[in-house]
């Protein structure tokens, strides 16, 4: 049984946000002065999430990634990952800001977590403080080391590049990937809140980043990838790691989109940049059966748009911030 959308894309990847709360305050994700955290009763319980996952697995979902907010803030995380790894999910990942990763890396690996992505936008302590409102860069770097020691085979660092913010660190991140077996993925700065927090003149196109890296580290395209994803992958001649580019703005990859997203408050989103949401929490708490829940999920997939909006023509898109959607 498979989930196929109207454009013949097979949906087999579920992003699961387990909390909207975070211990950082990155300006592009969770702007200062934003709304307080959601009330506890509106957040899905682990049992409710696991039920949705079991139904999704029955529909052909094989890959899942746990996100937030910051997922390591939620109590019982390690046990939840252990249960999730036994749910039929074949490829289980986690996205974290890395602040708490040092103490969680080995327990998570032993619980069955396969992959870890660390969101890191600066390698400079002062710039890290400016972007995140925290002085925790040392904790993040220590967490990356602990993840390597725990035996995670593929560690990815996700870096959002923004002009006048961290563009002068491009080569520092490239050097990190060159010298270590780490995948650094540069993500184009994306607009949220109908563009209110997004300034077009701060947007840095991936092609500009490639030119900067090529000036020191010649890039060679990775022709064959085991599991092609949304990133354009490159090796650096003589380097140990890889570089990826996620061109969310300049060159959409909607034709390859295989994912749906579950928000912490139980909404199913079929597109990151759409306000289209299907409520799963309400029907589940009202006693819906698993077959009925499966039909609700199918219905959401059938409404998945062909592609995301054209950002440069219109800002009519998702009104939630990323901490509410799930990274």
Protein backbone atom coordinates (compact mmCIF):
# COMPACT_ATOMS: atom_id res chain seq x y z
CA UNK A 1 0.00 0.00 0.00
CA UNK A 2 1.39 3.39 -0.95
CA UNK A 3 0.55 7.06 -0.55
CA UNK A 4 0.52 8.61 -4.04
CA UNK A 5 -0.39 12.26 -4.50
CA UNK A 6 -2.23 13.69 -7.56
CA UNK A 7 1.12 14.33 -9.30
CA UNK A 8 2.29 10.72 -8.90
CA UNK A 9 4.79 11.45 -6.14
CA UNK A 10 5.18 8.61 -3.66
CA UNK A 11 4.92 9.98 -0.11
CA UNK A 12 7.09 7.87 2.19
CA UNK A 13 8.69 10.43 4.53
CA UNK A 14 7.10 11.89 7.67
CA UNK A 15 8.58 14.86 9.57
CA UNK A 16 7.41 14.74 13.20
CA UNK A 17 7.54 17.81 15.43
CA UNK A 18 7.24 16.84 19.09
CA UNK A 19 7.45 20.32 20.62
CA UNK A 20 7.17 23.97 19.64
CA UNK A 21 9.55 25.04 22.41
CA UNK A 22 13.20 25.85 21.85
CA UNK A 23 16.21 26.91 23.92
CA UNK A 24 17.46 29.24 21.17
CA UNK A 25 15.79 32.28 19.65
CA UNK A 26 17.02 32.43 16.05
CA UNK A 27 15.49 35.53 14.47
CA UNK A 28 14.42 33.84 11.21
CA UNK A 29 12.76 30.89 12.95
CA UNK A 30 11.18 32.22 16.10
CA UNK A 31 11.20 36.03 16.08
CA UNK A 32 11.54 37.91 19.36
CA UNK A 33 8.17 38.91 20.69
CA UNK A 34 6.55 35.82 19.17
CA UNK A 35 3.70 33.88 20.72
CA UNK A 36 4.30 31.88 23.93
CA UNK A 37 4.51 28.09 23.80
CA UNK A 38 1.38 26.09 23.10
CA UNK A 39 -0.56 24.82 26.13
CA UNK A 40 0.41 21.29 27.15
CA UNK A 41 -3.04 19.89 26.42
CA UNK A 42 -2.77 20.92 22.75
CA UNK A 43 0.47 18.98 22.20
CA UNK A 44 0.20 15.41 20.98
CA UNK A 45 1.19 12.75 23.49
CA UNK A 46 3.85 10.25 22.53
CA UNK A 47 1.15 7.58 22.32
CA UNK A 48 -0.83 9.71 19.86
CA UNK A 49 2.27 10.32 17.73
CA UNK A 50 3.16 6.63 17.72
CA UNK A 51 -0.37 5.77 16.65
CA UNK A 52 -0.16 8.17 13.71
CA UNK A 53 3.22 6.70 12.77
CA UNK A 54 1.88 3.13 12.86
CA UNK A 55 -0.99 4.13 10.56
CA UNK A 56 1.42 6.00 8.27
CA UNK A 57 3.72 2.97 8.09
CA UNK A 58 0.71 0.94 6.97
CA UNK A 59 0.30 3.48 4.16
CA UNK A 60 3.89 3.10 2.99
CA UNK A 61 5.83 5.64 5.07
CA UNK A 62 9.33 4.27 5.69
CA UNK A 63 11.37 7.32 6.74
CA UNK A 64 10.81 9.67 9.66
CA UNK A 65 12.63 12.62 11.19
CA UNK A 66 11.90 13.98 14.66
CA UNK A 67 12.05 17.77 14.94
CA UNK A 68 10.87 20.70 17.03
CA UNK A 69 11.26 23.40 18.26
CA UNK A 70 14.12 21.65 19.98
CA UNK A 71 13.12 17.98 20.37
CA UNK A 72 15.71 17.21 23.06
CA UNK A 73 13.84 19.51 25.45
CA UNK A 74 10.91 17.13 25.71
CA UNK A 75 11.02 14.65 28.57
CA UNK A 76 11.08 10.96 27.67
CA UNK A 77 12.75 11.59 24.30
CA UNK A 78 15.09 8.59 24.38
CA UNK A 79 12.33 6.11 25.20
CA UNK A 80 10.16 7.66 22.51
CA UNK A 81 12.94 7.21 19.93
CA UNK A 82 13.33 3.57 21.01
CA UNK A 83 9.62 2.95 20.50
CA UNK A 84 9.60 4.85 17.21
CA UNK A 85 12.51 2.75 15.93
CA UNK A 86 10.37 -0.37 16.48
CA UNK A 87 7.31 1.04 14.70
CA UNK A 88 8.24 -0.08 11.19
CA UNK A 89 10.22 3.05 10.31
CA UNK A 90 13.36 1.97 8.45
CA UNK A 91 15.29 5.26 8.47
CA UNK A 92 14.95 7.36 11.62
CA UNK A 93 16.59 10.79 11.96
CA UNK A 94 16.61 13.75 14.31
CA UNK A 95 17.12 17.47 13.76
CA UNK A 96 18.51 19.36 16.74
CA UNK A 97 20.24 22.65 17.46
CA UNK A 98 22.89 20.61 19.28
CA UNK A 99 22.87 22.49 22.59
CA UNK A 100 21.86 19.35 24.52
CA UNK A 101 23.27 16.76 22.12
CA UNK A 102 26.40 16.03 24.16
CA UNK A 103 24.39 14.21 26.81
CA UNK A 104 21.95 12.55 24.41
CA UNK A 105 24.09 11.34 21.50
CA UNK A 106 25.00 7.88 22.79
CA UNK A 107 21.62 7.06 24.40
CA UNK A 108 19.85 8.09 21.18
CA UNK A 109 22.15 5.95 19.05
CA UNK A 110 21.56 2.97 21.34
CA UNK A 111 17.80 3.62 21.15
CA UNK A 112 17.86 3.15 17.39
CA UNK A 113 18.35 6.62 15.94
CA UNK A 114 20.09 6.36 12.54
CA UNK A 115 20.92 9.95 11.60
CA UNK A 116 21.41 13.31 13.23
CA UNK A 117 21.22 16.79 11.67
CA UNK A 118 22.56 19.77 13.61
CA UNK A 119 21.28 23.26 12.79
CA UNK A 120 24.31 25.56 13.07
CA UNK A 121 24.53 28.98 11.44
CA UNK A 122 27.83 30.28 12.79
CA UNK A 123 31.20 28.97 13.93
CA UNK A 124 32.07 32.31 15.53
CA UNK A 125 30.97 32.70 19.19
CA UNK A 126 29.94 36.35 18.84
CA UNK A 127 28.03 35.76 15.63
CA UNK A 128 26.39 32.65 17.10
CA UNK A 129 25.21 34.82 20.01
CA UNK A 130 23.85 37.44 17.60
CA UNK A 131 21.88 34.91 15.56
CA UNK A 132 20.60 32.65 18.32
CA UNK A 133 20.58 34.81 21.44
CA UNK A 134 22.76 32.18 23.15
CA UNK A 135 26.43 31.69 24.00
CA UNK A 136 26.14 27.92 23.51
CA UNK A 137 28.39 27.41 20.48
CA UNK A 138 30.85 25.38 22.56
CA UNK A 139 28.04 23.04 23.63
CA UNK A 140 27.00 22.52 20.00
CA UNK A 141 30.54 21.69 18.89
CA UNK A 142 30.92 19.29 21.82
CA UNK A 143 27.64 17.67 20.83
CA UNK A 144 28.89 17.12 17.28
CA UNK A 145 31.99 15.37 18.67
CA UNK A 146 29.86 13.16 20.93
CA UNK A 147 27.66 12.23 17.96
CA UNK A 148 30.75 11.11 16.05
CA UNK A 149 31.97 9.12 19.05
CA UNK A 150 28.54 7.50 19.42
CA UNK A 151 28.90 6.02 15.96
CA UNK A 152 26.51 8.04 13.84
CA UNK A 153 27.73 7.31 10.32
CA UNK A 154 26.30 10.42 8.72
CA UNK A 155 26.31 13.71 10.58
CA UNK A 156 24.83 16.68 8.75
CA UNK A 157 25.16 20.34 9.61
CA UNK A 158 22.37 22.58 8.30
CA UNK A 159 23.44 26.20 7.76
CA UNK A 160 21.05 28.96 6.73
CA UNK A 161 23.08 31.64 4.94
CA UNK A 162 21.99 35.27 5.22
CA UNK A 163 23.75 38.30 3.84
CA UNK A 164 25.23 40.69 6.40
CA UNK A 165 24.86 37.93 8.97
CA UNK A 166 27.04 34.89 8.25
CA UNK A 167 28.06 35.05 4.58
CA UNK A 168 31.66 35.70 5.64
CA UNK A 169 31.74 32.22 7.23
CA UNK A 170 31.08 30.24 4.03
CA UNK A 171 34.70 29.11 3.70
CA UNK A 172 34.88 28.26 7.42
CA UNK A 173 32.00 25.83 6.99
CA UNK A 174 33.53 24.48 3.78
CA UNK A 175 36.79 23.90 5.65
CA UNK A 176 34.86 21.95 8.29
CA UNK A 177 33.49 19.62 5.62
CA UNK A 178 36.86 19.42 3.88
CA UNK A 179 38.75 18.30 6.97
CA UNK A 180 36.17 15.99 8.56
CA UNK A 181 33.67 13.34 7.50
CA UNK A 182 30.75 15.73 7.88
CA UNK A 183 28.11 16.89 5.40
CA UNK A 184 27.55 20.63 5.49
CA UNK A 185 24.32 21.69 3.80
CA UNK A 186 23.80 25.35 2.93
CA UNK A 187 20.12 26.31 2.95
CA UNK A 188 18.76 29.35 1.18
CA UNK A 189 17.10 31.84 3.51
CA UNK A 190 13.34 31.23 3.30
CA UNK A 191 10.44 33.61 4.05
CA UNK A 192 7.76 33.00 6.66
CA UNK A 193 4.92 35.01 8.22
CA UNK A 194 3.88 36.26 4.77
CA UNK A 195 7.35 37.69 4.32
CA UNK A 196 7.22 40.07 7.29
CA UNK A 197 10.46 38.72 8.76
CA UNK A 198 12.16 38.18 5.39
CA UNK A 199 14.21 40.79 3.58
CA UNK A 200 14.92 40.02 -0.03
CA UNK A 201 18.18 41.97 -0.01
CA UNK A 202 19.51 39.58 2.65
CA UNK A 203 18.79 36.52 0.50
CA UNK A 204 21.92 34.73 -0.73
CA UNK A 205 21.51 32.48 -3.76
CA UNK A 206 23.19 29.07 -3.73
CA UNK A 207 25.06 29.82 -6.96
CA UNK A 208 26.85 32.71 -5.23
CA UNK A 209 27.87 30.37 -2.40
CA UNK A 210 29.23 27.82 -4.88
CA UNK A 211 31.42 30.49 -6.46
CA UNK A 212 32.89 31.41 -3.08
CA UNK A 213 33.67 27.79 -2.20
CA UNK A 214 35.11 27.05 -5.64
CA UNK A 215 37.62 29.85 -5.12
CA UNK A 216 39.37 27.68 -2.52
CA UNK A 217 37.88 24.18 -2.74
CA UNK A 218 37.01 23.00 -6.27
CA UNK A 219 33.60 21.35 -6.16
CA UNK A 220 32.84 18.09 -7.94
CA UNK A 221 29.18 16.98 -8.28
CA UNK A 222 28.22 13.74 -6.59
CA UNK A 223 26.78 11.87 -9.55
CA UNK A 224 25.29 8.88 -7.76
CA UNK A 225 23.58 9.17 -4.41
CA UNK A 226 22.28 6.19 -2.47
CA UNK A 227 19.04 7.97 -1.64
CA UNK A 228 18.68 11.20 -3.65
CA UNK A 229 17.15 13.95 -1.54
CA UNK A 230 16.49 17.66 -1.81
CA UNK A 231 20.15 18.74 -1.60
CA UNK A 232 22.49 19.09 -4.58
CA UNK A 233 25.59 17.27 -3.37
CA UNK A 234 29.25 18.02 -4.09
CA UNK A 235 32.62 16.70 -3.04
CA UNK A 236 35.69 18.87 -2.61
CA UNK A 237 38.79 17.55 -4.31
CA UNK A 238 40.89 15.93 -1.61
CA UNK A 239 38.28 16.57 1.08
CA UNK A 240 36.81 14.08 3.55
CA UNK A 241 33.26 15.38 3.78
CA UNK A 242 30.65 16.73 1.38
CA UNK A 243 28.81 19.97 0.67
CA UNK A 244 25.11 20.21 -0.11
CA UNK A 245 22.93 23.05 -1.38
CA UNK A 246 19.22 23.24 -0.62
CA UNK A 247 17.84 25.68 -3.19
CA UNK A 248 14.43 26.32 -1.64
CA UNK A 249 14.11 29.72 -3.30
CA UNK A 250 16.20 29.82 -6.46
CA UNK A 251 15.34 26.38 -7.81
CA UNK A 252 12.49 24.47 -6.26
CA UNK A 253 12.58 20.69 -5.95
CA UNK A 254 8.85 20.14 -5.59
CA UNK A 255 8.81 17.41 -8.22
CA UNK A 256 10.93 15.29 -5.84
CA UNK A 257 8.97 16.08 -2.68
CA UNK A 258 8.14 12.86 -0.85
CA UNK A 259 7.20 14.24 2.58
CA UNK A 260 4.39 15.33 4.82
CA UNK A 261 4.75 17.05 8.21
CA UNK A 262 3.07 16.45 11.54
CA UNK A 263 3.06 19.50 13.81
CA UNK A 264 3.41 19.20 17.57
CA UNK A 265 -0.27 20.16 17.99
CA UNK A 266 -1.47 17.41 15.68
CA UNK A 267 -1.90 19.09 12.30
CA UNK A 268 -0.82 17.32 9.12
CA UNK A 269 0.81 19.65 6.56
CA UNK A 270 1.31 18.46 3.00
CA UNK A 271 3.57 21.38 1.99
CA UNK A 272 5.99 23.48 4.05
CA UNK A 273 4.84 26.70 2.36
CA UNK A 274 1.10 26.15 2.44
CA UNK A 275 -1.52 27.02 5.04
CA UNK A 276 -3.31 23.77 4.19
CA UNK A 277 -3.55 21.73 7.40
CA UNK A 278 -5.59 18.68 8.34
CA UNK A 279 -6.38 18.15 12.01
CA UNK A 280 -5.54 14.69 13.36
CA UNK A 281 -5.63 15.47 17.08
CA UNK A 282 -9.33 16.25 17.22
CA UNK A 283 -10.54 13.13 15.38
CA UNK A 284 -8.21 10.89 17.40
CA UNK A 285 -9.43 12.30 20.72
CA UNK A 286 -13.00 11.91 19.48
CA UNK A 287 -12.44 8.18 18.96
CA UNK A 288 -11.71 7.82 15.23
CA UNK A 289 -10.63 4.30 14.18
CA UNK A 290 -7.27 3.52 12.56
CA UNK A 291 -8.85 2.93 9.12
CA UNK A 292 -10.64 6.28 9.42
CA UNK A 293 -7.40 7.94 10.48
CA UNK A 294 -5.69 6.43 7.44
CA UNK A 295 -8.36 7.95 5.19
CA UNK A 296 -7.82 11.39 6.73
CA UNK A 297 -4.09 11.08 5.97
CA UNK A 298 -4.86 9.96 2.42
CA UNK A 299 -7.16 12.92 1.99
CA UNK A 300 -4.40 15.33 3.04
CA UNK A 301 -1.98 13.81 0.54
CA UNK A 302 -4.57 14.21 -2.22
CA UNK A 303 -4.56 17.96 -1.54
CA UNK A 304 -0.78 18.28 -1.80
CA UNK A 305 0.02 21.14 -4.22
CA UNK A 306 2.09 20.59 -7.34
CA UNK A 307 4.67 23.16 -6.23
CA UNK A 308 5.33 25.87 -3.68
CA UNK A 309 4.48 29.55 -4.34
CA UNK A 310 6.71 31.89 -6.33
CA UNK A 311 8.27 33.85 -3.48
CA UNK A 312 9.33 36.78 -5.64
CA UNK A 313 5.81 37.34 -6.96
CA UNK A 314 3.73 36.78 -3.85
CA UNK A 315 4.19 36.33 -0.12
CA UNK A 316 0.89 34.54 0.39
CA UNK A 317 2.26 31.46 2.15
CA UNK A 318 2.48 29.84 5.55
CA UNK A 319 1.67 32.07 8.50
CA UNK A 320 3.29 29.83 11.10
CA UNK A 321 6.88 30.29 12.18
CA UNK A 322 9.28 27.36 11.77
CA UNK A 323 9.22 26.43 15.45
CA UNK A 324 5.46 25.88 15.08
CA UNK A 325 5.73 23.91 11.82
CA UNK A 326 8.71 21.75 12.68
CA UNK A 327 12.15 22.10 11.12
